[in-house]
Amino acid sequence: MTTPPTPTPLPADPPPDIESRVSQDDHHDLRLWLRLLACCNLLETEVRGRLRIEYGTTLPRFDLMAQLDRAPEGMKMSELSRHMMVTNGNITGITDQLERDGLVERSKVATDRRSSIIKLTPKGQRTFRKMAQSHEQWIQTLLTGLPSGTHYALYEGLAELKQLIQPRLTMR
């Protein structure tokens, strides 16, 4: 007597995402916000993972280096904090790590002994440029296939949304 073959298990349902928590009855604004959040979370999770695996770094470290790459003369911690929308304490911790790795350097501000200017070192510039090139390729790969009309419409629509929201923000 032969035993019947074991049935192949069905794939597990994908984990529910933020959007699955709403119904068609929920307000369109809420559904739009959740769709935006879901897309941002998907992209950010992928970028975080790739930075960790390919470069052994984190997204906050990458972001801080990106800010410094745009300011070759360096930036004060408070400026970095404002640009990155995080606390000075967060900036200090990330800067400490990057300084230990030889990727940034601090120099005291002559007119304010409590302030420091943070700059990328030459090693930091080379490291960031490699990561930035990879980052750009990852984003291009992830967005490949989005029709150019949709790409443009999303970009323009999100610009309109940003202009609408900014004056209404209270938690800055």
N, C-alpha and C. Protein backbone atom coordinates (compact mmCIF):
# COMPACT_ATOMS: atom_id res chain seq x y z
N MET A 1 0.83 -1.17 0.00
CA MET A 1 0.00 0.00 0.00
C MET A 1 0.89 1.25 0.00
N THR A 2 0.64 2.14 -0.91
CA THR A 2 1.45 3.36 -1.00
C THR A 2 0.80 4.49 -0.21
N THR A 3 1.65 5.29 0.31
CA THR A 3 1.16 6.44 1.08
C THR A 3 0.87 7.58 0.12
N PRO A 4 -0.23 8.29 0.33
CA PRO A 4 -0.51 9.43 -0.55
C PRO A 4 0.55 10.51 -0.36
N PRO A 5 0.86 11.21 -1.43
CA PRO A 5 1.88 12.26 -1.31
C PRO A 5 1.42 13.34 -0.33
N THR A 6 2.40 13.88 0.34
CA THR A 6 2.11 14.98 1.26
C THR A 6 1.78 16.21 0.42
N PRO A 7 0.67 16.87 0.72
CA PRO A 7 0.32 18.06 -0.07
C PRO A 7 1.34 19.18 0.15
N THR A 8 1.60 19.90 -0.90
CA THR A 8 2.51 21.04 -0.80
C THR A 8 1.81 22.14 0.00
N PRO A 9 2.48 22.66 1.03
CA PRO A 9 1.82 23.71 1.83
C PRO A 9 1.64 24.97 0.99
N LEU A 10 0.55 25.64 1.24
CA LEU A 10 0.30 26.92 0.58
C LEU A 10 1.25 27.96 1.15
N PRO A 11 1.66 28.90 0.32
CA PRO A 11 2.54 29.94 0.87
C PRO A 11 1.79 30.73 1.95
N ALA A 12 2.54 31.17 2.92
CA ALA A 12 1.94 31.96 4.00
C ALA A 12 1.44 33.28 3.43
N ASP A 13 0.34 33.74 3.98
CA ASP A 13 -0.15 35.04 3.58
C ASP A 13 0.91 36.08 3.92
N PRO A 14 1.06 37.07 3.04
CA PRO A 14 2.03 38.11 3.39
C PRO A 14 1.58 38.82 4.66
N PRO A 15 2.54 39.33 5.42
CA PRO A 15 2.14 40.02 6.65
C PRO A 15 1.28 41.23 6.29
N PRO A 16 0.29 41.52 7.12
CA PRO A 16 -0.55 42.67 6.80
C PRO A 16 0.28 43.95 6.85
N ASP A 17 -0.02 44.85 5.95
CA ASP A 17 0.67 46.12 5.99
C ASP A 17 -0.28 47.19 6.52
N ILE A 18 0.22 48.38 6.58
CA ILE A 18 -0.54 49.48 7.15
C ILE A 18 -1.86 49.68 6.40
N GLU A 19 -1.81 49.53 5.08
CA GLU A 19 -3.01 49.78 4.29
C GLU A 19 -4.13 48.78 4.57
N SER A 20 -3.77 47.57 4.98
CA SER A 20 -4.80 46.55 5.20
C SER A 20 -5.63 46.84 6.44
N ARG A 21 -5.23 47.83 7.21
CA ARG A 21 -5.96 48.17 8.43
C ARG A 21 -7.13 49.11 8.16
N VAL A 22 -7.27 49.57 6.95
CA VAL A 22 -8.36 50.49 6.63
C VAL A 22 -9.34 49.81 5.68
N SER A 23 -10.51 50.34 5.62
CA SER A 23 -11.51 49.78 4.72
C SER A 23 -11.91 50.84 3.70
N GLN A 24 -12.71 50.41 2.74
CA GLN A 24 -13.17 51.35 1.72
C GLN A 24 -14.01 52.47 2.33
N ASP A 25 -14.51 52.25 3.53
CA ASP A 25 -15.34 53.26 4.19
C ASP A 25 -14.51 54.37 4.83
N ASP A 26 -13.22 54.12 5.03
CA ASP A 26 -12.38 55.14 5.67
C ASP A 26 -12.17 56.32 4.72
N HIS A 27 -11.89 57.45 5.32
CA HIS A 27 -11.73 58.68 4.57
C HIS A 27 -10.58 58.56 3.55
N HIS A 28 -10.76 59.16 2.41
CA HIS A 28 -9.74 59.09 1.34
C HIS A 28 -8.40 59.67 1.79
N ASP A 29 -8.43 60.72 2.61
CA ASP A 29 -7.18 61.31 3.08
C ASP A 29 -6.40 60.32 3.93
N LEU A 30 -7.10 59.59 4.79
CA LEU A 30 -6.45 58.58 5.61
C LEU A 30 -5.87 57.48 4.73
N ARG A 31 -6.61 57.04 3.75
CA ARG A 31 -6.13 55.98 2.85
C ARG A 31 -4.92 56.44 2.05
N LEU A 32 -4.94 57.70 1.60
CA LEU A 32 -3.80 58.24 0.86
C LEU A 32 -2.56 58.29 1.76
N TRP A 33 -2.74 58.79 2.98
CA TRP A 33 -1.61 58.87 3.90
C TRP A 33 -1.02 57.49 4.17
N LEU A 34 -1.87 56.51 4.37
CA LEU A 34 -1.38 55.16 4.64
C LEU A 34 -0.69 54.56 3.42
N ARG A 35 -1.18 54.86 2.23
CA ARG A 35 -0.52 54.38 1.01
C ARG A 35 0.86 55.01 0.88
N LEU A 36 0.98 56.32 1.15
CA LEU A 36 2.28 57.00 1.11
C LEU A 36 3.23 56.38 2.14
N LEU A 37 2.72 56.16 3.33
CA LEU A 37 3.53 55.59 4.40
C LEU A 37 4.00 54.18 4.04
N ALA A 38 3.11 53.38 3.47
CA ALA A 38 3.48 52.02 3.07
C ALA A 38 4.60 52.04 2.03
N CYS A 39 4.48 52.91 1.04
CA CYS A 39 5.52 53.01 0.00
C CYS A 39 6.84 53.47 0.60
N CYS A 40 6.80 54.48 1.46
CA CYS A 40 8.02 54.97 2.11
C CYS A 40 8.66 53.88 2.95
N ASN A 41 7.84 53.15 3.70
CA ASN A 41 8.38 52.08 4.54
C ASN A 41 9.03 50.98 3.70
N LEU A 42 8.40 50.60 2.60
CA LEU A 42 8.99 49.57 1.72
C LEU A 42 10.34 50.01 1.19
N LEU A 43 10.40 51.23 0.66
CA LEU A 43 11.66 51.74 0.11
C LEU A 43 12.72 51.89 1.20
N GLU A 44 12.33 52.45 2.33
CA GLU A 44 13.30 52.67 3.41
C GLU A 44 13.84 51.36 3.97
N THR A 45 12.98 50.37 4.12
CA THR A 45 13.42 49.06 4.63
C THR A 45 14.45 48.45 3.69
N GLU A 46 14.20 48.55 2.40
CA GLU A 46 15.14 48.00 1.41
C GLU A 46 16.48 48.74 1.46
N VAL A 47 16.43 50.07 1.49
CA VAL A 47 17.67 50.85 1.53
C VAL A 47 18.44 50.58 2.81
N ARG A 48 17.74 50.53 3.94
CA ARG A 48 18.41 50.23 5.22
C ARG A 48 19.14 48.89 5.15
N GLY A 49 18.45 47.88 4.62
CA GLY A 49 19.05 46.56 4.52
C GLY A 49 20.26 46.53 3.61
N ARG A 50 20.16 47.19 2.48
CA ARG A 50 21.29 47.21 1.55
C ARG A 50 22.49 47.97 2.12
N LEU A 51 22.23 49.09 2.80
CA LEU A 51 23.33 49.82 3.42
C LEU A 51 24.02 48.96 4.47
N ARG A 52 23.23 48.24 5.26
CA ARG A 52 23.78 47.39 6.31
C ARG A 52 24.61 46.25 5.70
N ILE A 53 24.05 45.58 4.69
CA ILE A 53 24.72 44.41 4.11
C ILE A 53 25.93 44.81 3.26
N GLU A 54 25.76 45.80 2.41
CA GLU A 54 26.83 46.13 1.46
C GLU A 54 27.90 47.06 2.03
N TYR A 55 27.53 47.89 3.02
CA TYR A 55 28.48 48.87 3.52
C TYR A 55 28.67 48.82 5.04
N GLY A 56 27.93 47.96 5.72
CA GLY A 56 28.07 47.86 7.17
C GLY A 56 27.73 49.15 7.88
N THR A 57 26.77 49.88 7.35
CA THR A 57 26.41 51.17 7.94
C THR A 57 24.90 51.28 8.10
N THR A 58 24.47 52.40 8.65
CA THR A 58 23.06 52.63 8.89
C THR A 58 22.56 53.79 8.05
N LEU A 59 21.25 53.88 7.92
CA LEU A 59 20.65 54.99 7.18
C LEU A 59 20.93 56.34 7.86
N PRO A 60 20.85 56.45 9.19
CA PRO A 60 21.19 57.74 9.81
C PRO A 60 22.64 58.18 9.54
N ARG A 61 23.57 57.23 9.54
CA ARG A 61 24.96 57.58 9.22
C ARG A 61 25.07 58.06 7.78
N PHE A 62 24.40 57.35 6.86
CA PHE A 62 24.39 57.74 5.46
C PHE A 62 23.78 59.14 5.31
N ASP A 63 22.67 59.39 5.98
CA ASP A 63 21.99 60.69 5.88
C ASP A 63 22.88 61.82 6.39
N LEU A 64 23.57 61.59 7.51
CA LEU A 64 24.45 62.62 8.05
C LEU A 64 25.59 62.90 7.07
N MET A 65 26.15 61.86 6.51
CA MET A 65 27.23 62.04 5.54
C MET A 65 26.72 62.77 4.30
N ALA A 66 25.48 62.51 3.89
CA ALA A 66 24.89 63.19 2.74
C ALA A 66 24.77 64.69 3.01
N GLN A 67 24.37 65.05 4.22
CA GLN A 67 24.28 66.47 4.58
C GLN A 67 25.66 67.12 4.49
N LEU A 68 26.66 66.43 5.01
CA LEU A 68 28.02 66.99 5.01
C LEU A 68 28.60 67.04 3.60
N ASP A 69 28.23 66.11 2.75
CA ASP A 69 28.72 66.12 1.37
C ASP A 69 28.22 67.36 0.64
N ARG A 70 27.04 67.84 1.00
CA ARG A 70 26.47 69.04 0.37
C ARG A 70 27.05 70.32 0.96
N ALA A 71 27.80 70.21 2.04
CA ALA A 71 28.38 71.37 2.71
C ALA A 71 29.86 71.13 2.94
N PRO A 72 30.68 71.25 1.89
CA PRO A 72 32.11 70.94 2.02
C PRO A 72 32.82 71.76 3.10
N GLU A 73 32.27 72.95 3.42
CA GLU A 73 32.88 73.78 4.47
C GLU A 73 32.53 73.26 5.87
N GLY A 74 31.63 72.30 5.93
CA GLY A 74 31.23 71.70 7.20
C GLY A 74 29.96 72.32 7.73
N MET A 75 29.44 71.74 8.79
CA MET A 75 28.21 72.21 9.40
C MET A 75 28.33 72.09 10.92
N LYS A 76 27.65 73.00 11.62
CA LYS A 76 27.54 72.87 13.07
C LYS A 76 26.57 71.74 13.37
N MET A 77 26.72 71.18 14.58
CA MET A 77 25.81 70.11 15.01
C MET A 77 24.36 70.58 14.97
N SER A 78 24.10 71.81 15.39
CA SER A 78 22.73 72.32 15.42
C SER A 78 22.16 72.41 14.00
N GLU A 79 23.00 72.77 13.02
CA GLU A 79 22.54 72.80 11.63
C GLU A 79 22.19 71.39 11.14
N LEU A 80 23.07 70.44 11.45
CA LEU A 80 22.81 69.05 11.08
C LEU A 80 21.50 68.57 11.70
N SER A 81 21.30 68.92 12.94
CA SER A 81 20.09 68.52 13.66
C SER A 81 18.85 69.08 12.96
N ARG A 82 18.88 70.33 12.59
CA ARG A 82 17.75 70.96 11.88
C ARG A 82 17.51 70.32 10.53
N HIS A 83 18.56 70.12 9.77
CA HIS A 83 18.43 69.55 8.42
C HIS A 83 17.91 68.12 8.46
N MET A 84 18.35 67.37 9.46
CA MET A 84 17.96 65.96 9.54
C MET A 84 16.70 65.76 10.39
N MET A 85 16.24 66.83 11.03
CA MET A 85 15.04 66.79 11.86
C MET A 85 15.14 65.76 12.98
N VAL A 86 16.29 65.76 13.65
CA VAL A 86 16.51 64.91 14.82
C VAL A 86 17.17 65.76 15.91
N THR A 87 17.27 65.20 17.10
CA THR A 87 17.85 65.96 18.22
C THR A 87 19.36 66.08 18.09
N ASN A 88 19.90 67.06 18.80
CA ASN A 88 21.36 67.22 18.85
C ASN A 88 22.01 65.98 19.43
N GLY A 89 21.34 65.32 20.37
CA GLY A 89 21.89 64.10 20.97
C GLY A 89 22.06 63.00 19.93
N ASN A 90 21.10 62.87 19.04
CA ASN A 90 21.23 61.88 17.96
C ASN A 90 22.43 62.20 17.07
N ILE A 91 22.56 63.47 16.73
CA ILE A 91 23.67 63.90 15.86
C ILE A 91 25.00 63.62 16.55
N THR A 92 25.07 63.89 17.84
CA THR A 92 26.32 63.66 18.58
C THR A 92 26.71 62.19 18.53
N GLY A 93 25.76 61.31 18.79
CA GLY A 93 26.05 59.87 18.77
C GLY A 93 26.51 59.38 17.42
N ILE A 94 25.84 59.81 16.36
CA ILE A 94 26.23 59.39 15.00
C ILE A 94 27.59 59.97 14.66
N THR A 95 27.81 61.24 15.00
CA THR A 95 29.10 61.89 14.71
C THR A 95 30.23 61.17 15.45
N ASP A 96 30.00 60.79 16.69
CA ASP A 96 31.02 60.06 17.45
C ASP A 96 31.44 58.78 16.71
N GLN A 97 30.45 58.04 16.22
CA GLN A 97 30.74 56.80 15.49
C GLN A 97 31.53 57.08 14.21
N LEU A 98 31.07 58.07 13.45
CA LEU A 98 31.74 58.39 12.18
C LEU A 98 33.15 58.92 12.41
N GLU A 99 33.34 59.66 13.50
CA GLU A 99 34.68 60.17 13.83
C GLU A 99 35.61 59.01 14.19
N ARG A 100 35.11 58.05 14.96
CA ARG A 100 35.92 56.86 15.31
C ARG A 100 36.35 56.10 14.07
N ASP A 101 35.47 56.08 13.05
CA ASP A 101 35.78 55.37 11.81
C ASP A 101 36.61 56.20 10.84
N GLY A 102 36.96 57.43 11.23
CA GLY A 102 37.79 58.28 10.38
C GLY A 102 37.04 58.88 9.21
N LEU A 103 35.70 58.97 9.30
CA LEU A 103 34.90 59.46 8.18
C LEU A 103 34.53 60.94 8.32
N VAL A 104 34.55 61.46 9.55
CA VAL A 104 34.31 62.88 9.78
C VAL A 104 35.34 63.39 10.77
N GLU A 105 35.49 64.72 10.78
CA GLU A 105 36.36 65.37 11.75
C GLU A 105 35.63 66.57 12.34
N ARG A 106 35.96 66.87 13.59
CA ARG A 106 35.37 68.01 14.29
C ARG A 106 36.44 69.07 14.49
N SER A 107 36.02 70.30 14.37
CA SER A 107 36.93 71.39 14.73
C SER A 107 36.10 72.43 15.48
N LYS A 108 36.72 72.99 16.51
CA LYS A 108 36.03 73.98 17.33
C LYS A 108 35.84 75.27 16.54
N VAL A 109 34.71 75.94 16.79
CA VAL A 109 34.42 77.25 16.20
C VAL A 109 35.16 78.28 17.04
N ALA A 110 35.97 79.10 16.39
CA ALA A 110 36.80 80.07 17.12
C ALA A 110 35.96 81.04 17.94
N THR A 111 34.82 81.44 17.42
CA THR A 111 34.00 82.43 18.11
C THR A 111 33.05 81.82 19.15
N ASP A 112 32.92 80.49 19.16
CA ASP A 112 32.02 79.83 20.10
C ASP A 112 32.63 78.49 20.50
N ARG A 113 33.30 78.44 21.63
CA ARG A 113 34.03 77.25 22.06
C ARG A 113 33.11 76.06 22.31
N ARG A 114 31.80 76.30 22.48
CA ARG A 114 30.87 75.20 22.72
C ARG A 114 30.47 74.50 21.41
N SER A 115 30.68 75.17 20.28
CA SER A 115 30.25 74.64 18.98
C SER A 115 31.40 73.99 18.23
N SER A 116 31.05 73.01 17.44
CA SER A 116 32.02 72.35 16.57
C SER A 116 31.49 72.34 15.15
N ILE A 117 32.43 72.40 14.23
CA ILE A 117 32.10 72.23 12.81
C ILE A 117 32.46 70.79 12.46
N ILE A 118 31.54 70.10 11.82
CA ILE A 118 31.74 68.71 11.40
C ILE A 118 31.94 68.70 9.89
N LYS A 119 32.98 68.01 9.44
CA LYS A 119 33.28 67.90 8.00
C LYS A 119 33.60 66.45 7.67
N LEU A 120 33.32 66.07 6.43
CA LEU A 120 33.78 64.77 5.95
C LEU A 120 35.29 64.81 5.78
N THR A 121 35.95 63.74 6.15
CA THR A 121 37.38 63.60 5.87
C THR A 121 37.50 63.14 4.41
N PRO A 122 38.70 63.15 3.84
CA PRO A 122 38.85 62.60 2.49
C PRO A 122 38.36 61.15 2.41
N LYS A 123 38.64 60.36 3.45
CA LYS A 123 38.14 58.98 3.48
C LYS A 123 36.61 58.98 3.52
N GLY A 124 36.03 59.90 4.29
CA GLY A 124 34.58 60.02 4.37
C GLY A 124 33.96 60.40 3.03
N GLN A 125 34.63 61.30 2.31
CA GLN A 125 34.14 61.71 0.99
C GLN A 125 34.13 60.52 0.03
N ARG A 126 35.23 59.77 0.01
CA ARG A 126 35.31 58.61 -0.89
C ARG A 126 34.26 57.57 -0.52
N THR A 127 34.14 57.30 0.77
CA THR A 127 33.18 56.30 1.25
C THR A 127 31.75 56.72 0.92
N PHE A 128 31.44 57.99 1.20
CA PHE A 128 30.08 58.45 0.92
C PHE A 128 29.77 58.39 -0.56
N ARG A 129 30.69 58.80 -1.40
CA ARG A 129 30.42 58.83 -2.85
C ARG A 129 30.13 57.43 -3.38
N LYS A 130 30.83 56.42 -2.87
CA LYS A 130 30.54 55.03 -3.27
C LYS A 130 29.14 54.62 -2.81
N MET A 131 28.82 54.95 -1.56
CA MET A 131 27.50 54.61 -1.04
C MET A 131 26.40 55.36 -1.80
N ALA A 132 26.63 56.63 -2.09
CA ALA A 132 25.63 57.44 -2.78
C ALA A 132 25.37 56.91 -4.20
N GLN A 133 26.42 56.48 -4.86
CA GLN A 133 26.27 55.91 -6.20
C GLN A 133 25.43 54.63 -6.13
N SER A 134 25.71 53.78 -5.16
CA SER A 134 24.91 52.57 -4.97
C SER A 134 23.47 52.92 -4.63
N HIS A 135 23.30 53.87 -3.74
CA HIS A 135 21.96 54.29 -3.30
C HIS A 135 21.12 54.73 -4.52
N GLU A 136 21.73 55.54 -5.36
CA GLU A 136 21.02 56.02 -6.55
C GLU A 136 20.62 54.84 -7.45
N GLN A 137 21.52 53.88 -7.63
CA GLN A 137 21.21 52.70 -8.45
C GLN A 137 20.09 51.87 -7.83
N TRP A 138 20.10 51.72 -6.50
CA TRP A 138 19.05 50.95 -5.83
C TRP A 138 17.69 51.60 -6.07
N ILE A 139 17.62 52.92 -5.91
CA ILE A 139 16.35 53.62 -6.08
C ILE A 139 15.89 53.51 -7.53
N GLN A 140 16.80 53.66 -8.47
CA GLN A 140 16.44 53.53 -9.88
C GLN A 140 15.91 52.13 -10.16
N THR A 141 16.56 51.12 -9.61
CA THR A 141 16.11 49.73 -9.80
C THR A 141 14.72 49.53 -9.21
N LEU A 142 14.51 50.04 -8.01
CA LEU A 142 13.22 49.87 -7.34
C LEU A 142 12.08 50.58 -8.09
N LEU A 143 12.38 51.70 -8.72
CA LEU A 143 11.34 52.47 -9.41
C LEU A 143 11.25 52.17 -10.90
N THR A 144 12.15 51.32 -11.40
CA THR A 144 12.11 50.95 -12.81
C THR A 144 10.78 50.28 -13.12
N GLY A 145 10.19 50.68 -14.22
CA GLY A 145 8.91 50.11 -14.61
C GLY A 145 7.75 51.04 -14.32
N LEU A 146 7.97 52.04 -13.51
CA LEU A 146 6.93 53.03 -13.27
C LEU A 146 6.87 53.92 -14.51
N PRO A 147 5.73 53.96 -15.17
CA PRO A 147 5.65 54.76 -16.41
C PRO A 147 6.05 56.22 -16.15
N SER A 148 6.70 56.82 -17.13
CA SER A 148 7.22 58.18 -16.93
C SER A 148 6.10 59.16 -16.61
N GLY A 149 4.94 59.01 -17.18
CA GLY A 149 3.82 59.89 -16.86
C GLY A 149 3.40 59.77 -15.41
N THR A 150 3.39 58.56 -14.90
CA THR A 150 3.05 58.32 -13.51
C THR A 150 4.13 58.89 -12.60
N HIS A 151 5.39 58.67 -12.99
CA HIS A 151 6.53 59.20 -12.23
C HIS A 151 6.40 60.71 -12.10
N TYR A 152 6.18 61.38 -13.22
CA TYR A 152 6.07 62.84 -13.22
C TYR A 152 4.86 63.30 -12.40
N ALA A 153 3.72 62.63 -12.58
CA ALA A 153 2.50 63.00 -11.86
C ALA A 153 2.68 62.84 -10.35
N LEU A 154 3.33 61.75 -9.93
CA LEU A 154 3.59 61.55 -8.50
C LEU A 154 4.50 62.65 -7.97
N TYR A 155 5.56 62.93 -8.69
CA TYR A 155 6.52 63.96 -8.26
C TYR A 155 5.83 65.31 -8.12
N GLU A 156 5.06 65.70 -9.12
CA GLU A 156 4.36 66.98 -9.09
C GLU A 156 3.27 66.99 -8.02
N GLY A 157 2.53 65.90 -7.91
CA GLY A 157 1.47 65.82 -6.91
C GLY A 157 2.01 65.89 -5.49
N LEU A 158 3.13 65.23 -5.25
CA LEU A 158 3.73 65.27 -3.92
C LEU A 158 4.30 66.66 -3.61
N ALA A 159 4.77 67.37 -4.63
CA ALA A 159 5.23 68.75 -4.43
C ALA A 159 4.04 69.62 -4.00
N GLU A 160 2.92 69.44 -4.65
CA GLU A 160 1.71 70.19 -4.27
C GLU A 160 1.30 69.85 -2.83
N LEU A 161 1.33 68.57 -2.50
CA LEU A 161 0.96 68.14 -1.15
C LEU A 161 1.89 68.76 -0.12
N LYS A 162 3.18 68.76 -0.40
CA LYS A 162 4.16 69.34 0.52
C LYS A 162 3.89 70.83 0.74
N GLN A 163 3.61 71.56 -0.33
CA GLN A 163 3.31 72.99 -0.23
C GLN A 163 2.04 73.23 0.58
N LEU A 164 1.07 72.36 0.45
CA LEU A 164 -0.18 72.47 1.18
C LEU A 164 0.02 72.21 2.68
N ILE A 165 0.82 71.20 2.99
CA ILE A 165 1.00 70.76 4.37
C ILE A 165 1.90 71.69 5.18
N GLN A 166 2.99 72.15 4.59
CA GLN A 166 4.00 72.90 5.36
C GLN A 166 3.43 74.05 6.20
N PRO A 167 2.57 74.89 5.66
CA PRO A 167 2.06 75.98 6.50
C PRO A 167 1.17 75.51 7.65
N ARG A 168 0.68 74.29 7.59
CA ARG A 168 -0.23 73.77 8.60
C ARG A 168 0.48 73.01 9.72
N LEU A 169 1.79 72.82 9.58
CA LEU A 169 2.53 72.05 10.57
C LEU A 169 2.63 72.83 11.88
N THR A 170 2.43 72.11 12.97
CA THR A 170 2.53 72.75 14.29
C THR A 170 3.68 72.17 15.11
N MET A 171 4.17 70.99 14.75
CA MET A 171 5.19 70.30 15.56
C MET A 171 6.56 70.38 14.89
N ARG A 172 7.08 71.56 14.74
CA ARG A 172 8.37 71.71 14.09
C ARG A 172 9.47 71.85 15.09
